[in-house]
Structures are given as structure tokens and as C-alpha cells.
Amino acid sequence: MVARKIPRARYDVFTTERGPVGKVVSEAWQEINRLADQHELSGRRAYRADFEVYDQRSRDPQNSQVDIYVGIE
């Protein structure tokens, strides 16, 4: 496990569907970018510190679920 310091900020949190990790994370980012382009997030994207959390739900790479934190202003 590696610890990282993440800047204090406001984040919108998105939870992926369950499935193959590469597929569900990629699809979630496509949706996040679509929402950002259409100004449908809870604020403008900050583009400072977006991150993904892979916890116990992502142990099986074929049946994973991941939380994606998107920094907003």
C-alpha cells in the first residue's frame, strides 16, 4: 500500500459499475468528461487532483467497482 497526500478540495464522487476494471473505469471517465463538457457536474472541473480509489471492491479485476473523485471549483 502506498500513501499519498491529496489536496483539500471539493470533489464530485462517481462510482463505477461492476465489471472488468479496465472497461468500467474507462466508461466512467468517458461519462465524467461528457458531464463536464455539458456543465452537469456540481461545479467546474478544477483539473488539480482527480484520483481513483481501488478498495476491497476491486480485488477481482474481472468484477471490480472503483470510486473516482473529480476535483471541482
PDB file of N, CA and C in Angstrom:
ATOM      1  N   MET A   1       0.851  -1.168   0.000  1.00  0.00           N
ATOM      2  CA  MET A   1       0.000   0.000   0.000  1.00  0.00           C
ATOM      3  C   MET A   1       0.899   1.235   0.000  1.00  0.00           C
ATOM      4  N   VAL A   2       0.462   2.247  -0.726  1.00  0.00           N
ATOM      5  CA  VAL A   2       1.210   3.495  -0.822  1.00  0.00           C
ATOM      6  C   VAL A   2       0.315   4.629  -0.364  1.00  0.00           C
ATOM      7  N   ALA A   3       0.826   5.494   0.489  1.00  0.00           N
ATOM      8  CA  ALA A   3       0.068   6.654   0.953  1.00  0.00           C
ATOM      9  C   ALA A   3       0.427   7.865   0.103  1.00  0.00           C
ATOM     10  N   ARG A   4      -0.566   8.628  -0.238  1.00  0.00           N
ATOM     11  CA  ARG A   4      -0.376   9.857  -1.000  1.00  0.00           C
ATOM     12  C   ARG A   4      -1.120  10.984  -0.294  1.00  0.00           C
ATOM     13  N   LYS A   5      -0.562  12.173  -0.327  1.00  0.00           N
ATOM     14  CA  LYS A   5      -1.241  13.337   0.231  1.00  0.00           C
ATOM     15  C   LYS A   5      -2.048  13.977  -0.889  1.00  0.00           C
ATOM     16  N   ILE A   6      -3.343  14.109  -0.661  1.00  0.00           N
ATOM     17  CA  ILE A   6      -4.246  14.672  -1.655  1.00  0.00           C
ATOM     18  C   ILE A   6      -4.693  16.043  -1.162  1.00  0.00           C
ATOM     19  N   PRO A   7      -4.649  17.041  -2.042  1.00  0.00           N
ATOM     20  CA  PRO A   7      -5.020  18.384  -1.605  1.00  0.00           C
ATOM     21  C   PRO A   7      -6.469  18.458  -1.137  1.00  0.00           C
ATOM     22  N   ARG A   8      -6.681  19.252  -0.112  1.00  0.00           N
ATOM     23  CA  ARG A   8      -8.043  19.506   0.355  1.00  0.00           C
ATOM     24  C   ARG A   8      -8.752  20.283  -0.742  1.00  0.00           C
ATOM     25  N   ALA A   9      -9.927  19.813  -1.095  1.00  0.00           N
ATOM     26  CA  ALA A   9     -10.684  20.439  -2.178  1.00  0.00           C
ATOM     27  C   ALA A   9     -12.102  19.895  -2.159  1.00  0.00           C
ATOM     28  N   ARG A  10     -12.914  20.413  -3.053  1.00  0.00           N
ATOM     29  CA  ARG A  10     -14.255  19.859  -3.272  1.00  0.00           C
ATOM     30  C   ARG A  10     -14.140  18.824  -4.376  1.00  0.00           C
ATOM     31  N   TYR A  11     -14.847  17.716  -4.206  1.00  0.00           N
ATOM     32  CA  TYR A  11     -14.815  16.640  -5.186  1.00  0.00           C
ATOM     33  C   TYR A  11     -16.218  16.140  -5.465  1.00  0.00           C
ATOM     34  N   ASP A  12     -16.489  15.838  -6.729  1.00  0.00           N
ATOM     35  CA  ASP A  12     -17.649  15.027  -7.073  1.00  0.00           C
ATOM     36  C   ASP A  12     -17.143  13.589  -7.069  1.00  0.00           C
ATOM     37  N   VAL A  13     -17.935  12.668  -6.537  1.00  0.00           N
ATOM     38  CA  VAL A  13     -17.523  11.273  -6.449  1.00  0.00           C
ATOM     39  C   VAL A  13     -18.424  10.433  -7.342  1.00  0.00           C
ATOM     40  N   PHE A  14     -17.801   9.634  -8.188  1.00  0.00           N
ATOM     41  CA  PHE A  14     -18.515   8.747  -9.095  1.00  0.00           C
ATOM     42  C   PHE A  14     -18.108   7.315  -8.770  1.00  0.00           C
ATOM     43  N   THR A  15     -19.079   6.432  -8.732  1.00  0.00           N
ATOM     44  CA  THR A  15     -18.815   5.017  -8.501  1.00  0.00           C
ATOM     45  C   THR A  15     -19.102   4.269  -9.794  1.00  0.00           C
ATOM     46  N   THR A  16     -18.124   3.489 -10.240  1.00  0.00           N
ATOM     47  CA  THR A  16     -18.279   2.755 -11.488  1.00  0.00           C
ATOM     48  C   THR A  16     -19.298   1.637 -11.324  1.00  0.00           C
ATOM     49  N   GLU A  17     -19.722   1.101 -12.451  1.00  0.00           N
ATOM     50  CA  GLU A  17     -20.478  -0.149 -12.465  1.00  0.00           C
ATOM     51  C   GLU A  17     -19.515  -1.259 -12.059  1.00  0.00           C
ATOM     52  N   ARG A  18     -20.021  -2.451 -11.841  1.00  0.00           N
ATOM     53  CA  ARG A  18     -19.160  -3.617 -11.592  1.00  0.00           C
ATOM     54  C   ARG A  18     -18.815  -4.278 -12.916  1.00  0.00           C
ATOM     55  N   GLY A  19     -17.576  -4.714 -13.032  1.00  0.00           N
ATOM     56  CA  GLY A  19     -17.162  -5.413 -14.236  1.00  0.00           C
ATOM     57  C   GLY A  19     -15.655  -5.398 -14.364  1.00  0.00           C
ATOM     58  N   PRO A  20     -15.144  -5.740 -15.551  1.00  0.00           N
ATOM     59  CA  PRO A  20     -13.697  -5.711 -15.766  1.00  0.00           C
ATOM     60  C   PRO A  20     -13.157  -4.304 -15.508  1.00  0.00           C
ATOM     61  N   VAL A  21     -12.129  -4.211 -14.688  1.00  0.00           N
ATOM     62  CA  VAL A  21     -11.668  -2.908 -14.206  1.00  0.00           C
ATOM     63  C   VAL A  21     -11.330  -1.944 -15.343  1.00  0.00           C
ATOM     64  N   GLY A  22     -10.641  -2.391 -16.363  1.00  0.00           N
ATOM     65  CA  GLY A  22     -10.284  -1.501 -17.463  1.00  0.00           C
ATOM     66  C   GLY A  22     -11.495  -0.949 -18.187  1.00  0.00           C
ATOM     67  N   LYS A  23     -12.508  -1.771 -18.319  1.00  0.00           N
ATOM     68  CA  LYS A  23     -13.737  -1.363 -19.017  1.00  0.00           C
ATOM     69  C   LYS A  23     -14.548  -0.385 -18.184  1.00  0.00           C
ATOM     70  N   VAL A  24     -14.812  -0.711 -16.918  1.00  0.00           N
ATOM     71  CA  VAL A  24     -15.700   0.133 -16.117  1.00  0.00           C
ATOM     72  C   VAL A  24     -15.062   1.482 -15.780  1.00  0.00           C
ATOM     73  N   VAL A  25     -13.743   1.507 -15.553  1.00  0.00           N
ATOM     74  CA  VAL A  25     -13.074   2.783 -15.251  1.00  0.00           C
ATOM     75  C   VAL A  25     -13.049   3.658 -16.501  1.00  0.00           C
ATOM     76  N   SER A  26     -12.740   3.068 -17.636  1.00  0.00           N
ATOM     77  CA  SER A  26     -12.727   3.823 -18.896  1.00  0.00           C
ATOM     78  C   SER A  26     -14.108   4.403 -19.202  1.00  0.00           C
ATOM     79  N   GLU A  27     -15.139   3.602 -19.042  1.00  0.00           N
ATOM     80  CA  GLU A  27     -16.503   4.078 -19.298  1.00  0.00           C
ATOM     81  C   GLU A  27     -16.897   5.189 -18.331  1.00  0.00           C
ATOM     82  N   ALA A  28     -16.493   5.062 -17.078  1.00  0.00           N
ATOM     83  CA  ALA A  28     -16.819   6.097 -16.092  1.00  0.00           C
ATOM     84  C   ALA A  28     -16.147   7.422 -16.456  1.00  0.00           C
ATOM     85  N   TRP A  29     -14.877   7.382 -16.864  1.00  0.00           N
ATOM     86  CA  TRP A  29     -14.185   8.613 -17.259  1.00  0.00           C
ATOM     87  C   TRP A  29     -14.824   9.229 -18.498  1.00  0.00           C
ATOM     88  N   GLN A  30     -15.281   8.408 -19.425  1.00  0.00           N
ATOM     89  CA  GLN A  30     -15.980   8.951 -20.593  1.00  0.00           C
ATOM     90  C   GLN A  30     -17.243   9.699 -20.157  1.00  0.00           C
ATOM     91  N   GLU A  31     -17.978   9.134 -19.219  1.00  0.00           N
ATOM     92  CA  GLU A  31     -19.186   9.782 -18.711  1.00  0.00           C
ATOM     93  C   GLU A  31     -18.838  11.053 -17.936  1.00  0.00           C
ATOM     94  N   ILE A  32     -17.814  11.015 -17.127  1.00  0.00           N
ATOM     95  CA  ILE A  32     -17.393  12.202 -16.377  1.00  0.00           C
ATOM     96  C   ILE A  32     -17.029  13.327 -17.349  1.00  0.00           C
ATOM     97  N   ASN A  33     -16.273  13.014 -18.388  1.00  0.00           N
ATOM     98  CA  ASN A  33     -15.899  14.033 -19.368  1.00  0.00           C
ATOM     99  C   ASN A  33     -17.111  14.571 -20.113  1.00  0.00           C
ATOM    100  N   ARG A  34     -18.071  13.713 -20.410  1.00  0.00           N
ATOM    101  CA  ARG A  34     -19.305  14.172 -21.059  1.00  0.00           C
ATOM    102  C   ARG A  34     -20.058  15.134 -20.152  1.00  0.00           C
ATOM    103  N   LEU A  35     -20.191  14.763 -18.880  1.00  0.00           N
ATOM    104  CA  LEU A  35     -20.875  15.633 -17.922  1.00  0.00           C
ATOM    105  C   LEU A  35     -20.157  16.969 -17.761  1.00  0.00           C
ATOM    106  N   ALA A  36     -18.837  16.932 -17.725  1.00  0.00           N
ATOM    107  CA  ALA A  36     -18.059  18.167 -17.595  1.00  0.00           C
ATOM    108  C   ALA A  36     -18.267  19.060 -18.810  1.00  0.00           C
ATOM    109  N   ASP A  37     -18.256  18.472 -19.998  1.00  0.00           N
ATOM    110  CA  ASP A  37     -18.459  19.246 -21.233  1.00  0.00           C
ATOM    111  C   ASP A  37     -19.831  19.901 -21.269  1.00  0.00           C
ATOM    112  N   GLN A  38     -20.806  19.249 -20.666  1.00  0.00           N
ATOM    113  CA  GLN A  38     -22.175  19.767 -20.666  1.00  0.00           C
ATOM    114  C   GLN A  38     -22.483  20.562 -19.396  1.00  0.00           C
ATOM    115  N   HIS A  39     -21.452  20.813 -18.578  1.00  0.00           N
ATOM    116  CA  HIS A  39     -21.600  21.596 -17.340  1.00  0.00           C
ATOM    117  C   HIS A  39     -22.631  20.979 -16.395  1.00  0.00           C
ATOM    118  N   GLU A  40     -22.604  19.653 -16.282  1.00  0.00           N
ATOM    119  CA  GLU A  40     -23.557  18.945 -15.435  1.00  0.00           C
ATOM    120  C   GLU A  40     -22.926  18.400 -14.156  1.00  0.00           C
ATOM    121  N   LEU A  41     -21.706  18.815 -13.839  1.00  0.00           N
ATOM    122  CA  LEU A  41     -21.117  18.467 -12.549  1.00  0.00           C
ATOM    123  C   LEU A  41     -21.597  19.491 -11.529  1.00  0.00           C
ATOM    124  N   SER A  42     -21.283  19.302 -10.271  1.00  0.00           N
ATOM    125  CA  SER A  42     -21.745  20.249  -9.246  1.00  0.00           C
ATOM    126  C   SER A  42     -20.902  21.523  -9.215  1.00  0.00           C
ATOM    127  N   GLY A  43     -19.913  21.613 -10.098  1.00  0.00           N
ATOM    128  CA  GLY A  43     -19.067  22.803 -10.238  1.00  0.00           C
ATOM    129  C   GLY A  43     -18.158  22.602 -11.438  1.00  0.00           C
ATOM    130  N   ARG A  44     -17.368  23.617 -11.750  1.00  0.00           N
ATOM    131  CA  ARG A  44     -16.408  23.482 -12.854  1.00  0.00           C
ATOM    132  C   ARG A  44     -15.254  22.602 -12.423  1.00  0.00           C
ATOM    133  N   ARG A  45     -14.736  21.791 -13.354  1.00  0.00           N
ATOM    134  CA  ARG A  45     -13.582  20.940 -13.032  1.00  0.00           C
ATOM    135  C   ARG A  45     -12.391  21.803 -12.689  1.00  0.00           C
ATOM    136  N   ALA A  46     -11.688  21.421 -11.647  1.00  0.00           N
ATOM    137  CA  ALA A  46     -10.523  22.177 -11.202  1.00  0.00           C
ATOM    138  C   ALA A  46      -9.244  21.716 -11.907  1.00  0.00           C
ATOM    139  N   TYR A  47      -9.189  20.487 -12.361  1.00  0.00           N
ATOM    140  CA  TYR A  47      -8.011  19.902 -13.011  1.00  0.00           C
ATOM    141  C   TYR A  47      -6.754  20.018 -12.141  1.00  0.00           C
ATOM    142  N   ARG A  48      -6.920  19.814 -10.823  1.00  0.00           N
ATOM    143  CA  ARG A  48      -5.777  19.826  -9.908  1.00  0.00           C
ATOM    144  C   ARG A  48      -5.473  18.448  -9.356  1.00  0.00           C
ATOM    145  N   ALA A  49      -6.498  17.774  -8.880  1.00  0.00           N
ATOM    146  CA  ALA A  49      -6.256  16.477  -8.240  1.00  0.00           C
ATOM    147  C   ALA A  49      -7.480  15.591  -8.395  1.00  0.00           C
ATOM    148  N   ASP A  50      -7.526  14.842  -9.468  1.00  0.00           N
ATOM    149  CA  ASP A  50      -8.526  13.790  -9.623  1.00  0.00           C
ATOM    150  C   ASP A  50      -7.844  12.491  -9.214  1.00  0.00           C
ATOM    151  N   PHE A  51      -8.602  11.584  -8.622  1.00  0.00           N
ATOM    152  CA  PHE A  51      -7.988  10.318  -8.228  1.00  0.00           C
ATOM    153  C   PHE A  51      -9.024   9.213  -8.175  1.00  0.00           C
ATOM    154  N   GLU A  52      -8.535   7.991  -8.213  1.00  0.00           N
ATOM    155  CA  GLU A  52      -9.376   6.799  -8.177  1.00  0.00           C
ATOM    156  C   GLU A  52      -9.043   5.997  -6.923  1.00  0.00           C
ATOM    157  N   VAL A  53     -10.063   5.431  -6.299  1.00  0.00           N
ATOM    158  CA  VAL A  53      -9.869   4.615  -5.100  1.00  0.00           C
ATOM    159  C   VAL A  53     -10.207   3.166  -5.433  1.00  0.00           C
ATOM    160  N   TYR A  54      -9.182   2.340  -5.319  1.00  0.00           N
ATOM    161  CA  TYR A  54      -9.328   0.899  -5.544  1.00  0.00           C
ATOM    162  C   TYR A  54      -9.277   0.224  -4.173  1.00  0.00           C
ATOM    163  N   ASP A  55     -10.439  -0.164  -3.665  1.00  0.00           N
ATOM    164  CA  ASP A  55     -10.502  -0.780  -2.342  1.00  0.00           C
ATOM    165  C   ASP A  55     -10.883  -2.254  -2.480  1.00  0.00           C
ATOM    166  N   GLN A  56     -11.470  -2.827  -1.440  1.00  0.00           N
ATOM    167  CA  GLN A  56     -11.801  -4.253  -1.448  1.00  0.00           C
ATOM    168  C   GLN A  56     -12.750  -4.620  -2.585  1.00  0.00           C
ATOM    169  N   ARG A  57     -13.507  -3.652  -3.104  1.00  0.00           N
ATOM    170  CA  ARG A  57     -14.433  -3.935  -4.206  1.00  0.00           C
ATOM    171  C   ARG A  57     -13.707  -4.177  -5.529  1.00  0.00           C
ATOM    172  N   SER A  58     -12.414  -3.883  -5.561  1.00  0.00           N
ATOM    173  CA  SER A  58     -11.672  -4.046  -6.817  1.00  0.00           C
ATOM    174  C   SER A  58     -10.634  -5.165  -6.739  1.00  0.00           C
ATOM    175  N   ARG A  59     -10.783  -6.048  -5.789  1.00  0.00           N
ATOM    176  CA  ARG A  59      -9.834  -7.167  -5.665  1.00  0.00           C
ATOM    177  C   ARG A  59      -9.874  -8.107  -6.857  1.00  0.00           C
ATOM    178  N   ASP A  60     -11.062  -8.323  -7.390  1.00  0.00           N
ATOM    179  CA  ASP A  60     -11.210  -9.195  -8.560  1.00  0.00           C
ATOM    180  C   ASP A  60     -11.205  -8.309  -9.803  1.00  0.00           C
ATOM    181  N   PRO A  61     -10.148  -8.328 -10.610  1.00  0.00           N
ATOM    182  CA  PRO A  61     -10.066  -7.437 -11.758  1.00  0.00           C
ATOM    183  C   PRO A  61     -11.164  -7.668 -12.805  1.00  0.00           C
ATOM    184  N   GLN A  62     -11.844  -8.806 -12.744  1.00  0.00           N
ATOM    185  CA  GLN A  62     -12.937  -9.071 -13.689  1.00  0.00           C
ATOM    186  C   GLN A  62     -14.297  -8.646 -13.138  1.00  0.00           C
ATOM    187  N   ASN A  63     -14.353  -8.282 -11.862  1.00  0.00           N
ATOM    188  CA  ASN A  63     -15.610  -7.870 -11.233  1.00  0.00           C
ATOM    189  C   ASN A  63     -15.312  -6.759 -10.224  1.00  0.00           C
ATOM    190  N   SER A  64     -14.844  -5.633 -10.740  1.00  0.00           N
ATOM    191  CA  SER A  64     -14.395  -4.535  -9.886  1.00  0.00           C
ATOM    192  C   SER A  64     -15.385  -3.385  -9.859  1.00  0.00           C
ATOM    193  N   GLN A  65     -15.289  -2.612  -8.786  1.00  0.00           N
ATOM    194  CA  GLN A  65     -16.019  -1.357  -8.656  1.00  0.00           C
ATOM    195  C   GLN A  65     -15.061  -0.356  -8.029  1.00  0.00           C
ATOM    196  N   VAL A  66     -14.987   0.842  -8.606  1.00  0.00           N
ATOM    197  CA  VAL A  66     -13.992   1.839  -8.226  1.00  0.00           C
ATOM    198  C   VAL A  66     -14.691   3.166  -7.989  1.00  0.00           C
ATOM    199  N   ASP A  67     -14.220   3.949  -7.008  1.00  0.00           N
ATOM    200  CA  ASP A  67     -14.705   5.315  -6.805  1.00  0.00           C
ATOM    201  C   ASP A  67     -13.735   6.273  -7.475  1.00  0.00           C
ATOM    202  N   ILE A  68     -14.283   7.235  -8.220  1.00  0.00           N
ATOM    203  CA  ILE A  68     -13.488   8.251  -8.898  1.00  0.00           C
ATOM    204  C   ILE A  68     -13.844   9.610  -8.311  1.00  0.00           C
ATOM    205  N   TYR A  69     -12.837  10.311  -7.826  1.00  0.00           N
ATOM    206  CA  TYR A  69     -13.008  11.638  -7.248  1.00  0.00           C
ATOM    207  C   TYR A  69     -12.518  12.660  -8.253  1.00  0.00           C
ATOM    208  N   VAL A  70     -13.400  13.604  -8.601  1.00  0.00           N
ATOM    209  CA  VAL A  70     -13.093  14.623  -9.597  1.00  0.00           C
ATOM    210  C   VAL A  70     -13.115  15.967  -8.894  1.00  0.00           C
ATOM    211  N   GLY A  71     -11.972  16.664  -8.903  1.00  0.00           N
ATOM    212  CA  GLY A  71     -11.888  17.962  -8.247  1.00  0.00           C
ATOM    213  C   GLY A  71     -12.705  19.012  -8.974  1.00  0.00           C
ATOM    214  N   ILE A  72     -13.470  19.781  -8.196  1.00  0.00           N
ATOM    215  CA  ILE A  72     -14.285  20.846  -8.767  1.00  0.00           C
ATOM    216  C   ILE A  72     -14.010  22.140  -8.021  1.00  0.00           C
ATOM    217  N   GLU A  73     -14.304  23.236  -8.682  1.00  0.00           N
ATOM    218  CA  GLU A  73     -14.112  24.568  -8.066  1.00  0.00           C
ATOM    219  C   GLU A  73     -15.339  24.965  -7.295  1.00  0.00           C
TER     220      GLU A  73
END
